[in-house]
Every structure is written in structure tokens, then in C-alpha cells.
Amino acid sequence: MPKMKTNRAAAKRFRVTGSGKIRRPKGGSQHNFIGKSRKRRRRLRDNDIVAEGTARRIKILLPYG
């Protein structure tokens, strides 16, 4: 049986943590920072953990997850 291919779009967007959770960047942090408050920009800095239900779907796309 052939190897399972990684979904490349998902691989670019998500990373698997050591404990097996899925990490993702927050949306809205690419451009138009002038119009966003300092508080909002600060919140957008760090990565977020994907919800458990969604994480199950993403792990199907990432065979190493």
C-alpha cells in the first residue's frame, strides 16, 4: 500500500505540539496594523491551540500528527 500523502495546505498552516495538540496562527495579523489597536495587535502575536473537535479533522490531513 502506498504512503499517505500530507495535505500541503494544512502543513503550511498547522504544527503539532509535543503533547499532540494542533497549533495555528491567529487570523488578521498580516496587514492593516495601523487601524488595529495596540491591545489587538498584542493578542494576535502568539499562536493559538485548535479546538479539540477541529483538531481531529486536521490530524487526518497531517499523517505525522
PDB file of N, CA and C in Angstrom:
ATOM      1  N   MET A   1       0.846  -1.190   0.000  1.00  0.00           N
ATOM      2  CA  MET A   1       0.000   0.000   0.000  1.00  0.00           C
ATOM      3  C   MET A   1       0.891   1.253   0.000  1.00  0.00           C
ATOM      4  N   PRO A   2       0.530   2.274  -0.803  1.00  0.00           N
ATOM      5  CA  PRO A   2       1.384   3.454  -0.877  1.00  0.00           C
ATOM      6  C   PRO A   2       1.332   4.289   0.404  1.00  0.00           C
ATOM      7  N   LYS A   3       2.343   5.141   0.550  1.00  0.00           N
ATOM      8  CA  LYS A   3       2.385   6.033   1.710  1.00  0.00           C
ATOM      9  C   LYS A   3       1.240   7.036   1.624  1.00  0.00           C
ATOM     10  N   MET A   4       0.803   7.506   2.788  1.00  0.00           N
ATOM     11  CA  MET A   4      -0.251   8.521   2.835  1.00  0.00           C
ATOM     12  C   MET A   4       0.389   9.889   2.615  1.00  0.00           C
ATOM     13  N   LYS A   5      -0.176  10.678   1.724  1.00  0.00           N
ATOM     14  CA  LYS A   5       0.390  11.990   1.428  1.00  0.00           C
ATOM     15  C   LYS A   5      -0.097  13.030   2.427  1.00  0.00           C
ATOM     16  N   THR A   6       0.799  13.948   2.779  1.00  0.00           N
ATOM     17  CA  THR A   6       0.450  15.072   3.639  1.00  0.00           C
ATOM     18  C   THR A   6      -0.271  16.119   2.818  1.00  0.00           C
ATOM     19  N   ASN A   7      -1.329  16.680   3.355  1.00  0.00           N
ATOM     20  CA  ASN A   7      -2.008  17.796   2.703  1.00  0.00           C
ATOM     21  C   ASN A   7      -1.118  19.024   2.891  1.00  0.00           C
ATOM     22  N   ARG A   8      -0.531  19.516   1.818  1.00  0.00           N
ATOM     23  CA  ARG A   8       0.468  20.588   1.897  1.00  0.00           C
ATOM     24  C   ARG A   8      -0.121  21.903   2.400  1.00  0.00           C
ATOM     25  N   ALA A   9      -1.368  22.178   2.063  1.00  0.00           N
ATOM     26  CA  ALA A   9      -2.013  23.412   2.537  1.00  0.00           C
ATOM     27  C   ALA A   9      -2.128  23.391   4.055  1.00  0.00           C
ATOM     28  N   ALA A  10      -2.500  22.241   4.611  1.00  0.00           N
ATOM     29  CA  ALA A  10      -2.626  22.103   6.065  1.00  0.00           C
ATOM     30  C   ALA A  10      -1.258  22.144   6.733  1.00  0.00           C
ATOM     31  N   ALA A  11      -0.261  21.542   6.102  1.00  0.00           N
ATOM     32  CA  ALA A  11       1.088  21.500   6.670  1.00  0.00           C
ATOM     33  C   ALA A  11       1.677  22.900   6.819  1.00  0.00           C
ATOM     34  N   LYS A  12       1.309  23.819   5.921  1.00  0.00           N
ATOM     35  CA  LYS A  12       1.815  25.186   5.988  1.00  0.00           C
ATOM     36  C   LYS A  12       1.109  25.997   7.074  1.00  0.00           C
ATOM     37  N   ARG A  13      -0.081  25.587   7.456  1.00  0.00           N
ATOM     38  CA  ARG A  13      -0.883  26.360   8.411  1.00  0.00           C
ATOM     39  C   ARG A  13      -0.836  25.841   9.840  1.00  0.00           C
ATOM     40  N   PHE A  14      -0.587  24.555  10.015  1.00  0.00           N
ATOM     41  CA  PHE A  14      -0.672  23.949  11.344  1.00  0.00           C
ATOM     42  C   PHE A  14       0.612  23.235  11.716  1.00  0.00           C
ATOM     43  N   ARG A  15       0.891  23.206  13.030  1.00  0.00           N
ATOM     44  CA  ARG A  15       2.019  22.449  13.567  1.00  0.00           C
ATOM     45  C   ARG A  15       1.501  21.613  14.726  1.00  0.00           C
ATOM     46  N   VAL A  16       2.119  20.462  14.930  1.00  0.00           N
ATOM     47  CA  VAL A  16       1.717  19.591  16.036  1.00  0.00           C
ATOM     48  C   VAL A  16       2.672  19.829  17.200  1.00  0.00           C
ATOM     49  N   THR A  17       2.138  20.052  18.395  1.00  0.00           N
ATOM     50  CA  THR A  17       2.962  20.269  19.581  1.00  0.00           C
ATOM     51  C   THR A  17       3.468  18.930  20.103  1.00  0.00           C
ATOM     52  N   GLY A  18       4.331  18.977  21.082  1.00  0.00           N
ATOM     53  CA  GLY A  18       4.882  17.758  21.671  1.00  0.00           C
ATOM     54  C   GLY A  18       3.823  16.892  22.319  1.00  0.00           C
ATOM     55  N   SER A  19       2.793  17.538  22.879  1.00  0.00           N
ATOM     56  CA  SER A  19       1.720  16.785  23.542  1.00  0.00           C
ATOM     57  C   SER A  19       0.641  16.327  22.565  1.00  0.00           C
ATOM     58  N   GLY A  20       0.814  16.640  21.263  1.00  0.00           N
ATOM     59  CA  GLY A  20      -0.125  16.166  20.249  1.00  0.00           C
ATOM     60  C   GLY A  20      -1.232  17.139  19.909  1.00  0.00           C
ATOM     61  N   LYS A  21      -1.209  18.333  20.496  1.00  0.00           N
ATOM     62  CA  LYS A  21      -2.212  19.347  20.166  1.00  0.00           C
ATOM     63  C   LYS A  21      -1.817  20.035  18.870  1.00  0.00           C
ATOM     64  N   ILE A  22      -2.792  20.659  18.219  1.00  0.00           N
ATOM     65  CA  ILE A  22      -2.532  21.350  16.956  1.00  0.00           C
ATOM     66  C   ILE A  22      -2.434  22.848  17.236  1.00  0.00           C
ATOM     67  N   ARG A  23      -1.358  23.454  16.738  1.00  0.00           N
ATOM     68  CA  ARG A  23      -1.114  24.877  16.926  1.00  0.00           C
ATOM     69  C   ARG A  23      -1.390  25.595  15.622  1.00  0.00           C
ATOM     70  N   ARG A  24      -1.958  26.792  15.683  1.00  0.00           N
ATOM     71  CA  ARG A  24      -2.250  27.565  14.479  1.00  0.00           C
ATOM     72  C   ARG A  24      -1.997  29.042  14.741  1.00  0.00           C
ATOM     73  N   PRO A  25      -1.634  29.814  13.704  1.00  0.00           N
ATOM     74  CA  PRO A  25      -1.510  31.257  13.894  1.00  0.00           C
ATOM     75  C   PRO A  25      -2.899  31.906  13.921  1.00  0.00           C
ATOM     76  N   LYS A  26      -3.015  33.021  14.590  1.00  0.00           N
ATOM     77  CA  LYS A  26      -4.292  33.725  14.657  1.00  0.00           C
ATOM     78  C   LYS A  26      -4.521  34.493  13.354  1.00  0.00           C
ATOM     79  N   GLY A  27      -5.764  34.614  12.962  1.00  0.00           N
ATOM     80  CA  GLY A  27      -6.101  35.326  11.733  1.00  0.00           C
ATOM     81  C   GLY A  27      -6.075  36.827  11.914  1.00  0.00           C
ATOM     82  N   GLY A  28      -5.837  37.552  10.818  1.00  0.00           N
ATOM     83  CA  GLY A  28      -5.893  39.007  10.846  1.00  0.00           C
ATOM     84  C   GLY A  28      -4.594  39.661  11.259  1.00  0.00           C
ATOM     85  N   SER A  29      -3.482  38.954  11.115  1.00  0.00           N
ATOM     86  CA  SER A  29      -2.208  39.548  11.541  1.00  0.00           C
ATOM     87  C   SER A  29      -1.222  39.683  10.376  1.00  0.00           C
ATOM     88  N   GLN A  30      -1.711  39.952   9.182  1.00  0.00           N
ATOM     89  CA  GLN A  30      -0.830  40.085   8.021  1.00  0.00           C
ATOM     90  C   GLN A  30      -0.654  41.532   7.562  1.00  0.00           C
ATOM     91  N   HIS A  31      -1.711  42.322   7.626  1.00  0.00           N
ATOM     92  CA  HIS A  31      -1.598  43.704   7.139  1.00  0.00           C
ATOM     93  C   HIS A  31      -2.631  44.587   7.837  1.00  0.00           C
ATOM     94  N   ASN A  32      -2.634  45.888   7.500  1.00  0.00           N
ATOM     95  CA  ASN A  32      -3.538  46.905   8.070  1.00  0.00           C
ATOM     96  C   ASN A  32      -3.383  47.034   9.583  1.00  0.00           C
ATOM     97  N   PHE A  33      -2.150  47.073  10.066  1.00  0.00           N
ATOM     98  CA  PHE A  33      -1.919  47.184  11.502  1.00  0.00           C
ATOM     99  C   PHE A  33      -2.214  48.578  12.035  1.00  0.00           C
ATOM    100  N   ILE A  34      -2.176  49.570  11.160  1.00  0.00           N
ATOM    101  CA  ILE A  34      -2.428  50.954  11.592  1.00  0.00           C
ATOM    102  C   ILE A  34      -3.832  51.077  12.173  1.00  0.00           C
ATOM    103  N   GLY A  35      -4.791  50.407  11.578  1.00  0.00           N
ATOM    104  CA  GLY A  35      -6.178  50.505  12.028  1.00  0.00           C
ATOM    105  C   GLY A  35      -6.510  49.654  13.242  1.00  0.00           C
ATOM    106  N   LYS A  36      -5.568  48.824  13.674  1.00  0.00           N
ATOM    107  CA  LYS A  36      -5.826  47.925  14.817  1.00  0.00           C
ATOM    108  C   LYS A  36      -5.207  48.506  16.086  1.00  0.00           C
ATOM    109  N   SER A  37      -5.888  48.303  17.181  1.00  0.00           N
ATOM    110  CA  SER A  37      -5.391  48.844  18.449  1.00  0.00           C
ATOM    111  C   SER A  37      -4.154  48.062  18.899  1.00  0.00           C
ATOM    112  N   ARG A  38      -3.385  48.678  19.784  1.00  0.00           N
ATOM    113  CA  ARG A  38      -2.172  48.038  20.290  1.00  0.00           C
ATOM    114  C   ARG A  38      -2.525  46.745  21.024  1.00  0.00           C
ATOM    115  N   LYS A  39      -3.615  46.782  21.773  1.00  0.00           N
ATOM    116  CA  LYS A  39      -4.083  45.612  22.525  1.00  0.00           C
ATOM    117  C   LYS A  39      -4.416  44.455  21.571  1.00  0.00           C
ATOM    118  N   ARG A  40      -5.081  44.789  20.479  1.00  0.00           N
ATOM    119  CA  ARG A  40      -5.466  43.777  19.495  1.00  0.00           C
ATOM    120  C   ARG A  40      -4.241  43.182  18.809  1.00  0.00           C
ATOM    121  N   ARG A  41      -3.283  44.038  18.455  1.00  0.00           N
ATOM    122  CA  ARG A  41      -2.058  43.557  17.813  1.00  0.00           C
ATOM    123  C   ARG A  41      -1.269  42.652  18.748  1.00  0.00           C
ATOM    124  N   ARG A  42      -1.234  42.978  20.013  1.00  0.00           N
ATOM    125  CA  ARG A  42      -0.529  42.168  21.004  1.00  0.00           C
ATOM    126  C   ARG A  42      -1.157  40.784  21.126  1.00  0.00           C
ATOM    127  N   ARG A  43      -2.486  40.741  21.097  1.00  0.00           N
ATOM    128  CA  ARG A  43      -3.204  39.460  21.179  1.00  0.00           C
ATOM    129  C   ARG A  43      -2.973  38.589  19.947  1.00  0.00           C
ATOM    130  N   LEU A  44      -2.736  39.209  18.798  1.00  0.00           N
ATOM    131  CA  LEU A  44      -2.529  38.462  17.554  1.00  0.00           C
ATOM    132  C   LEU A  44      -1.132  37.845  17.444  1.00  0.00           C
ATOM    133  N   ARG A  45      -0.209  38.280  18.308  1.00  0.00           N
ATOM    134  CA  ARG A  45       1.176  37.822  18.202  1.00  0.00           C
ATOM    135  C   ARG A  45       1.354  36.324  18.359  1.00  0.00           C
ATOM    136  N   ASP A  46       0.821  35.756  19.413  1.00  0.00           N
ATOM    137  CA  ASP A  46       1.099  34.357  19.729  1.00  0.00           C
ATOM    138  C   ASP A  46       0.223  33.403  18.935  1.00  0.00           C
ATOM    139  N   ASN A  47       0.692  32.169  18.836  1.00  0.00           N
ATOM    140  CA  ASN A  47      -0.108  31.128  18.197  1.00  0.00           C
ATOM    141  C   ASN A  47      -1.210  30.671  19.129  1.00  0.00           C
ATOM    142  N   ASP A  48      -2.217  30.027  18.558  1.00  0.00           N
ATOM    143  CA  ASP A  48      -3.375  29.570  19.310  1.00  0.00           C
ATOM    144  C   ASP A  48      -3.462  28.048  19.179  1.00  0.00           C
ATOM    145  N   ILE A  49      -4.173  27.420  20.090  1.00  0.00           N
ATOM    146  CA  ILE A  49      -4.391  25.968  20.029  1.00  0.00           C
ATOM    147  C   ILE A  49      -5.758  25.733  19.390  1.00  0.00           C
ATOM    148  N   VAL A  50      -5.806  24.802  18.452  1.00  0.00           N
ATOM    149  CA  VAL A  50      -7.045  24.472  17.752  1.00  0.00           C
ATOM    150  C   VAL A  50      -7.976  23.700  18.684  1.00  0.00           C
ATOM    151  N   ALA A  51      -9.281  23.952  18.572  1.00  0.00           N
ATOM    152  CA  ALA A  51     -10.279  23.252  19.384  1.00  0.00           C
ATOM    153  C   ALA A  51     -10.220  21.753  19.108  1.00  0.00           C
ATOM    154  N   GLU A  52     -10.564  20.959  20.105  1.00  0.00           N
ATOM    155  CA  GLU A  52     -10.411  19.502  20.042  1.00  0.00           C
ATOM    156  C   GLU A  52     -11.173  18.875  18.874  1.00  0.00           C
ATOM    157  N   GLY A  53     -12.393  19.320  18.620  1.00  0.00           N
ATOM    158  CA  GLY A  53     -13.196  18.768  17.529  1.00  0.00           C
ATOM    159  C   GLY A  53     -12.586  19.025  16.164  1.00  0.00           C
ATOM    160  N   THR A  54     -12.098  20.250  15.973  1.00  0.00           N
ATOM    161  CA  THR A  54     -11.457  20.612  14.713  1.00  0.00           C
ATOM    162  C   THR A  54     -10.107  19.915  14.573  1.00  0.00           C
ATOM    163  N   ALA A  55      -9.412  19.747  15.687  1.00  0.00           N
ATOM    164  CA  ALA A  55      -8.082  19.123  15.666  1.00  0.00           C
ATOM    165  C   ALA A  55      -8.146  17.705  15.112  1.00  0.00           C
ATOM    166  N   ARG A  56      -9.213  16.994  15.412  1.00  0.00           N
ATOM    167  CA  ARG A  56      -9.360  15.623  14.896  1.00  0.00           C
ATOM    168  C   ARG A  56      -9.392  15.618  13.375  1.00  0.00           C
ATOM    169  N   ARG A  57     -10.065  16.604  12.782  1.00  0.00           N
ATOM    170  CA  ARG A  57     -10.147  16.704  11.314  1.00  0.00           C
ATOM    171  C   ARG A  57      -8.787  17.070  10.719  1.00  0.00           C
ATOM    172  N   ILE A  58      -8.066  17.935  11.392  1.00  0.00           N
ATOM    173  CA  ILE A  58      -6.767  18.391  10.882  1.00  0.00           C
ATOM    174  C   ILE A  58      -5.746  17.256  10.945  1.00  0.00           C
ATOM    175  N   LYS A  59      -5.814  16.440  11.989  1.00  0.00           N
ATOM    176  CA  LYS A  59      -4.859  15.334  12.131  1.00  0.00           C
ATOM    177  C   LYS A  59      -4.980  14.317  10.992  1.00  0.00           C
ATOM    178  N   ILE A  60      -6.142  14.250  10.378  1.00  0.00           N
ATOM    179  CA  ILE A  60      -6.332  13.363   9.214  1.00  0.00           C
ATOM    180  C   ILE A  60      -5.487  13.894   8.049  1.00  0.00           C
ATOM    181  N   LEU A  61      -5.397  15.223   7.924  1.00  0.00           N
ATOM    182  CA  LEU A  61      -4.645  15.845   6.839  1.00  0.00           C
ATOM    183  C   LEU A  61      -3.141  15.792   7.093  1.00  0.00           C
ATOM    184  N   LEU A  62      -2.747  15.680   8.363  1.00  0.00           N
ATOM    185  CA  LEU A  62      -1.336  15.610   8.732  1.00  0.00           C
ATOM    186  C   LEU A  62      -1.032  14.207   9.257  1.00  0.00           C
ATOM    187  N   PRO A  63      -0.546  13.302   8.427  1.00  0.00           N
ATOM    188  CA  PRO A  63      -0.347  11.925   8.865  1.00  0.00           C
ATOM    189  C   PRO A  63       0.659  11.785   9.998  1.00  0.00           C
ATOM    190  N   TYR A  64       1.558  12.773  10.170  1.00  0.00           N
ATOM    191  CA  TYR A  64       2.536  12.695  11.255  1.00  0.00           C
ATOM    192  C   TYR A  64       1.962  13.233  12.559  1.00  0.00           C
ATOM    193  N   GLY A  65       0.686  13.728  12.545  1.00  0.00           N
ATOM    194  CA  GLY A  65       0.093  14.369  13.720  1.00  0.00           C
ATOM    195  C   GLY A  65      -0.459  13.405  14.743  1.00  0.00           C
TER     196      GLY A  65
END
